[in-house]
Amino acid sequence: MNTICRKFAGCLAVAVATLLPATPPASASEGVVPPSDGDVAAAVRVAGQPDAIGLARSNFRQVDHIEPRRITMAEKGIPVYTLNPDFVRGVEGAPAGMLRSVAVTATADSGQKATLQAMPEGPGKWVAASVFSGNDEETLSARLKPGAVLLNEPQINGWYELGPDGVVLLQASLPQSPVGKFVPLSDYQREVHGRYADKLPGSDYQRGGGIGFTQPVAPPAETGIPIGIVAGLITAGVAGVGVVLVAVWRRRRLTPR
């Protein structure tokens, strides 16, 4: 298994802004689609399976340089959303976020924590896809207001509280708005459209061989790295901040399946 920077991996989670062509901004946004209680429970069960615990053990070994005798998996799953490409390009009524994974915290007997990402793999099926060092998702979700969800903008490793009417930045490696400031959804859509729309596939940026489009991306099945990370390599390039991010995201590491 490979180990790469957690903060860098946060950027590479899903390349949502590079997937679809840009269109005019949306005038409204519907709510995100939450997983059912049954789906969350199924994801938590997957996180407790031996292979998932093995992933967590590998992360503790590689990142914290420990060999835990016991690993305890949390009984609570945290739905994690990522930027919806339809929202970025401005599709009418598109929700800002789409479900990426259910995060489950793993705790070693020595106290170190890691976060297992259970990802959907077909209707009703979940797979232990990767383990991140630390427990950012657990910590940040505890700050959410009732009815809000945790939204990740991977290109800046930004974490937001996403509510029915807007977003509030909780933390980011490269913040694009003040932490704690409420941003209406319409304004946020314009912001992400402005940040990423001109670098989408089919754009002049791509045709000109911009960073992230000059080399083909290897198939995930051959690399062993989750598809979101492979796709995110493009995002890191087209965002034009790759050099800076290497230093910023050194603290949190990822063990892919």
Protein backbone atom coordinates (compact mmCIF):
# COMPACT_ATOMS: atom_id res chain seq x y z
CA MET A 1 0.00 0.00 0.00
CA ASN A 2 1.14 3.51 -0.68
CA THR A 3 1.07 6.36 1.81
CA ILE A 4 0.61 9.92 0.54
CA CYS A 5 -0.03 13.26 2.20
CA ARG A 6 -3.40 13.52 3.92
CA LYS A 7 -3.76 17.22 3.12
CA PHE A 8 -2.69 16.55 -0.47
CA ALA A 9 -5.11 13.63 -0.59
CA GLY A 10 -7.88 15.92 0.55
CA CYS A 11 -7.38 17.90 -2.62
CA LEU A 12 -7.30 14.76 -4.70
CA ALA A 13 -10.43 13.15 -3.30
CA VAL A 14 -12.76 13.97 -6.22
CA ALA A 15 -12.04 16.10 -9.29
CA VAL A 16 -15.58 17.36 -9.54
CA ALA A 17 -14.69 20.61 -11.22
CA THR A 18 -12.98 18.92 -14.14
CA LEU A 19 -15.68 16.49 -15.13
CA LEU A 20 -18.26 18.51 -17.04
CA PRO A 21 -18.35 21.58 -19.30
CA ALA A 22 -19.33 24.96 -17.91
CA THR A 23 -22.75 26.55 -18.31
CA PRO A 24 -24.29 29.78 -16.96
CA PRO A 25 -24.72 29.95 -13.17
CA ALA A 26 -27.69 28.26 -11.54
CA SER A 27 -30.32 30.47 -9.96
CA ALA A 28 -31.22 28.05 -7.19
CA SER A 29 -30.07 24.84 -5.54
CA GLU A 30 -32.02 21.98 -4.04
CA GLY A 31 -30.90 20.11 -0.95
CA VAL A 32 -28.35 17.31 -0.98
CA VAL A 33 -29.53 13.72 -1.04
CA PRO A 34 -28.66 12.09 2.30
CA PRO A 35 -27.89 8.38 2.64
CA SER A 36 -30.55 6.31 4.35
CA ASP A 37 -30.06 5.13 7.91
CA GLY A 38 -29.65 1.65 6.48
CA ASP A 39 -26.87 2.79 4.16
CA VAL A 40 -25.00 4.51 6.97
CA ALA A 41 -25.35 1.42 9.14
CA ALA A 42 -24.07 -0.76 6.29
CA ALA A 43 -21.06 1.52 5.82
CA VAL A 44 -20.27 1.33 9.54
CA ARG A 45 -20.48 -2.46 9.41
CA VAL A 46 -18.03 -2.51 6.51
CA ALA A 47 -15.65 -0.35 8.54
CA GLY A 48 -15.65 -2.98 11.26
CA GLN A 49 -14.65 -5.84 8.96
CA PRO A 50 -11.14 -7.35 9.25
CA ASP A 51 -9.94 -5.98 5.90
CA ALA A 52 -11.02 -2.47 6.86
CA ILE A 53 -9.32 -2.73 10.24
CA GLY A 54 -6.26 -3.95 8.36
CA LEU A 55 -6.28 -0.74 6.33
CA ALA A 56 -6.42 1.28 9.53
CA ARG A 57 -3.57 -0.76 10.98
CA SER A 58 -1.46 -0.07 7.89
CA ASN A 59 -2.13 3.65 8.25
CA PHE A 60 -1.11 3.66 11.90
CA ARG A 61 2.01 1.69 11.01
CA GLN A 62 3.04 3.91 8.11
CA VAL A 63 2.04 7.31 9.48
CA ASP A 64 2.36 7.05 13.26
CA HIS A 65 5.00 4.30 13.24
CA ILE A 66 3.09 2.24 15.77
CA GLU A 67 1.82 -1.33 15.81
CA PRO A 68 -1.50 -1.13 17.70
CA ARG A 69 -2.60 -4.25 19.53
CA ARG A 70 -6.22 -3.15 19.39
CA ILE A 71 -8.14 -0.85 17.04
CA THR A 72 -11.62 0.36 17.93
CA MET A 73 -13.96 1.47 15.16
CA ALA A 74 -16.58 4.10 15.96
CA GLU A 75 -20.21 3.05 15.88
CA LYS A 76 -21.19 6.29 14.14
CA GLY A 77 -20.80 7.02 10.44
CA ILE A 78 -20.40 10.58 9.13
CA PRO A 79 -21.71 11.28 5.62
CA VAL A 80 -19.18 13.33 3.67
CA TYR A 81 -20.19 15.32 0.60
CA THR A 82 -18.07 16.75 -2.18
CA LEU A 83 -18.72 19.49 -4.72
CA ASN A 84 -21.34 18.46 -7.25
CA PRO A 85 -20.09 18.99 -10.83
CA ASP A 86 -23.59 20.01 -11.92
CA PHE A 87 -23.55 22.72 -9.25
CA VAL A 88 -20.13 23.91 -10.41
CA ARG A 89 -21.23 24.23 -14.00
CA GLY A 90 -24.55 25.84 -13.05
CA VAL A 91 -27.26 23.26 -13.71
CA GLU A 92 -30.60 24.61 -12.52
CA GLY A 93 -31.59 23.12 -9.17
CA ALA A 94 -28.41 21.08 -8.73
CA PRO A 95 -27.46 20.58 -5.06
CA ALA A 96 -24.07 21.90 -4.01
CA GLY A 97 -22.89 18.56 -2.71
CA MET A 98 -23.03 14.92 -3.67
CA LEU A 99 -22.35 12.04 -1.29
CA ARG A 100 -18.75 10.87 -1.51
CA SER A 101 -18.34 8.54 1.45
CA VAL A 102 -19.25 7.67 5.01
CA ALA A 103 -16.37 8.39 7.39
CA VAL A 104 -15.77 6.15 10.41
CA THR A 105 -13.13 6.95 13.02
CA ALA A 106 -10.60 4.30 14.01
CA THR A 107 -8.81 4.65 17.36
CA ALA A 108 -5.64 2.77 18.26
CA ASP A 109 -5.12 1.54 21.82
CA SER A 110 -2.40 4.20 22.13
CA GLY A 111 -4.89 6.97 21.33
CA GLN A 112 -3.96 7.84 17.73
CA LYS A 113 -6.88 8.26 15.36
CA ALA A 114 -7.49 7.60 11.69
CA THR A 115 -10.56 7.87 9.47
CA LEU A 116 -11.81 5.07 7.26
CA GLN A 117 -13.71 6.09 4.13
CA ALA A 118 -16.50 3.68 3.19
CA MET A 119 -17.62 4.41 -0.35
CA PRO A 120 -20.74 3.21 -2.20
CA GLU A 121 -20.15 0.45 -4.73
CA GLY A 122 -23.54 -0.13 -6.25
CA PRO A 123 -27.00 -0.11 -4.63
CA GLY A 124 -26.79 -1.05 -0.97
CA LYS A 125 -23.14 -2.07 -1.22
CA TRP A 126 -20.23 -0.32 0.47
CA VAL A 127 -16.49 -0.87 0.34
CA ALA A 128 -13.65 0.21 2.63
CA ALA A 129 -11.81 2.37 0.11
CA SER A 130 -9.10 4.17 2.08
CA VAL A 131 -7.95 5.38 5.48
CA PHE A 132 -6.83 8.92 6.29
CA SER A 133 -4.73 9.81 9.31
CA GLY A 134 -6.44 11.94 11.93
CA ASN A 135 -10.15 12.48 12.50
CA ASP A 136 -10.96 15.77 10.76
CA GLU A 137 -14.37 14.55 9.64
CA GLU A 138 -15.40 13.58 13.17
CA THR A 139 -14.11 16.85 14.65
CA LEU A 140 -15.67 19.10 12.02
CA SER A 141 -19.01 17.30 11.94
CA ALA A 142 -19.39 18.00 15.66
CA ARG A 143 -19.49 21.71 14.80
CA LEU A 144 -22.35 21.42 12.31
CA LYS A 145 -25.69 23.02 13.02
CA PRO A 146 -28.78 20.77 12.97
CA GLY A 147 -29.78 20.00 9.40
CA ALA A 148 -26.37 20.89 7.94
CA VAL A 149 -23.93 18.47 6.30
CA LEU A 150 -20.16 18.35 5.86
CA LEU A 151 -19.04 19.49 2.41
CA ASN A 152 -15.52 19.17 1.01
CA GLU A 153 -14.11 21.38 -1.74
CA PRO A 154 -11.13 19.18 -2.59
CA GLN A 155 -9.27 21.65 -4.78
CA ILE A 156 -8.48 23.85 -1.76
CA ASN A 157 -8.89 21.11 0.86
CA GLY A 158 -11.77 23.19 2.15
CA TRP A 159 -14.37 21.93 4.60
CA TYR A 160 -17.74 23.65 4.83
CA GLU A 161 -20.93 23.48 6.79
CA LEU A 162 -23.52 23.16 4.01
CA GLY A 163 -27.03 24.23 4.93
CA PRO A 164 -30.21 24.77 2.93
CA ASP A 165 -29.30 28.37 2.11
CA GLY A 166 -25.53 28.57 2.06
CA VAL A 167 -22.12 27.45 3.26
CA VAL A 168 -19.82 28.38 6.13
CA LEU A 169 -16.11 27.63 5.78
CA LEU A 170 -14.85 25.56 8.72
CA GLN A 171 -11.23 25.18 7.64
CA ALA A 172 -9.14 25.06 4.46
CA SER A 173 -5.55 24.75 3.34
CA LEU A 174 -6.10 27.55 0.83
CA PRO A 175 -9.19 29.43 2.08
CA GLN A 176 -11.11 31.42 -0.51
CA SER A 177 -13.43 33.05 2.05
CA PRO A 178 -13.08 33.91 5.75
CA VAL A 179 -13.51 31.02 8.16
CA GLY A 180 -16.90 31.26 9.85
CA LYS A 181 -18.45 33.58 7.26
CA PHE A 182 -21.84 32.61 5.83
CA VAL A 183 -21.90 32.59 2.03
CA PRO A 184 -25.29 32.24 0.28
CA LEU A 185 -25.52 29.31 -2.13
CA SER A 186 -25.94 31.57 -5.14
CA ASP A 187 -22.73 33.41 -4.24
CA TYR A 188 -20.87 30.18 -3.54
CA GLN A 189 -21.94 28.77 -6.90
CA ARG A 190 -20.58 31.84 -8.66
CA GLU A 191 -17.33 31.50 -6.73
CA VAL A 192 -16.68 27.85 -7.59
CA HIS A 193 -17.82 28.45 -11.16
CA GLY A 194 -15.29 31.25 -11.40
CA ARG A 195 -12.53 29.16 -9.84
CA TYR A 196 -12.90 26.06 -11.99
CA ALA A 197 -15.18 26.56 -15.01
CA ASP A 198 -12.50 27.87 -17.36
CA LYS A 199 -10.35 24.78 -16.77
CA LEU A 200 -12.96 22.14 -17.56
CA PRO A 201 -12.49 19.51 -20.29
CA GLY A 202 -13.14 21.11 -23.66
CA SER A 203 -11.92 24.52 -22.52
CA ASP A 204 -9.17 26.55 -24.15
CA TYR A 205 -7.07 25.69 -21.10
CA GLN A 206 -7.31 22.00 -21.88
CA ARG A 207 -6.81 22.44 -25.61
CA GLY A 208 -3.72 24.50 -24.88
CA GLY A 209 -2.22 21.67 -22.85
CA GLY A 210 -2.70 23.26 -19.45
CA ILE A 211 -1.36 21.61 -16.33
CA GLY A 212 -3.29 18.44 -15.59
CA PHE A 213 -4.20 17.73 -19.21
CA THR A 214 -0.76 17.04 -20.69
CA GLN A 215 -0.42 13.47 -19.42
CA PRO A 216 -2.97 10.64 -19.58
CA VAL A 217 -4.25 9.40 -16.23
CA ALA A 218 -3.59 5.73 -15.56
CA PRO A 219 -6.66 3.56 -14.87
CA PRO A 220 -7.39 3.25 -11.14
CA ALA A 221 -7.51 -0.56 -11.37
CA GLU A 222 -3.86 -0.60 -12.39
CA THR A 223 -2.63 1.88 -9.81
CA GLY A 224 -4.61 0.61 -6.85
CA ILE A 225 -5.48 4.21 -5.97
CA PRO A 226 -9.20 5.09 -5.63
CA ILE A 227 -10.71 6.72 -8.71
CA GLY A 228 -11.38 9.95 -6.85
CA ILE A 229 -7.68 10.39 -6.15
CA VAL A 230 -6.64 9.64 -9.72
CA ALA A 231 -9.16 12.11 -11.06
CA GLY A 232 -8.09 14.62 -8.45
CA LEU A 233 -4.56 14.67 -9.83
CA ILE A 234 -6.05 16.60 -12.74
CA THR A 235 -7.77 18.99 -10.37
CA ALA A 236 -4.59 19.72 -8.46
CA GLY A 237 -2.96 20.69 -11.73
CA VAL A 238 -5.72 22.76 -13.25
CA ALA A 239 -6.18 24.65 -10.02
CA GLY A 240 -2.65 25.91 -10.58
CA VAL A 241 -1.60 25.51 -6.98
CA GLY A 242 0.13 22.14 -6.92
CA VAL A 243 3.53 23.42 -5.81
CA VAL A 244 2.08 25.31 -2.86
CA LEU A 245 -0.12 22.43 -1.78
CA VAL A 246 2.73 19.96 -1.36
CA ALA A 247 3.92 21.95 1.64
CA VAL A 248 0.49 22.81 2.99
CA TRP A 249 -0.90 19.26 2.95
CA ARG A 250 2.02 17.41 4.44
CA ARG A 251 0.36 16.68 7.77
CA ARG A 252 -2.39 14.21 6.97
CA ARG A 253 -1.72 10.95 5.20
CA LEU A 254 -3.81 8.47 3.27
CA THR A 255 -3.54 4.73 2.94
CA PRO A 256 -5.47 3.67 -0.20
CA ARG A 257 -6.91 0.21 -0.54
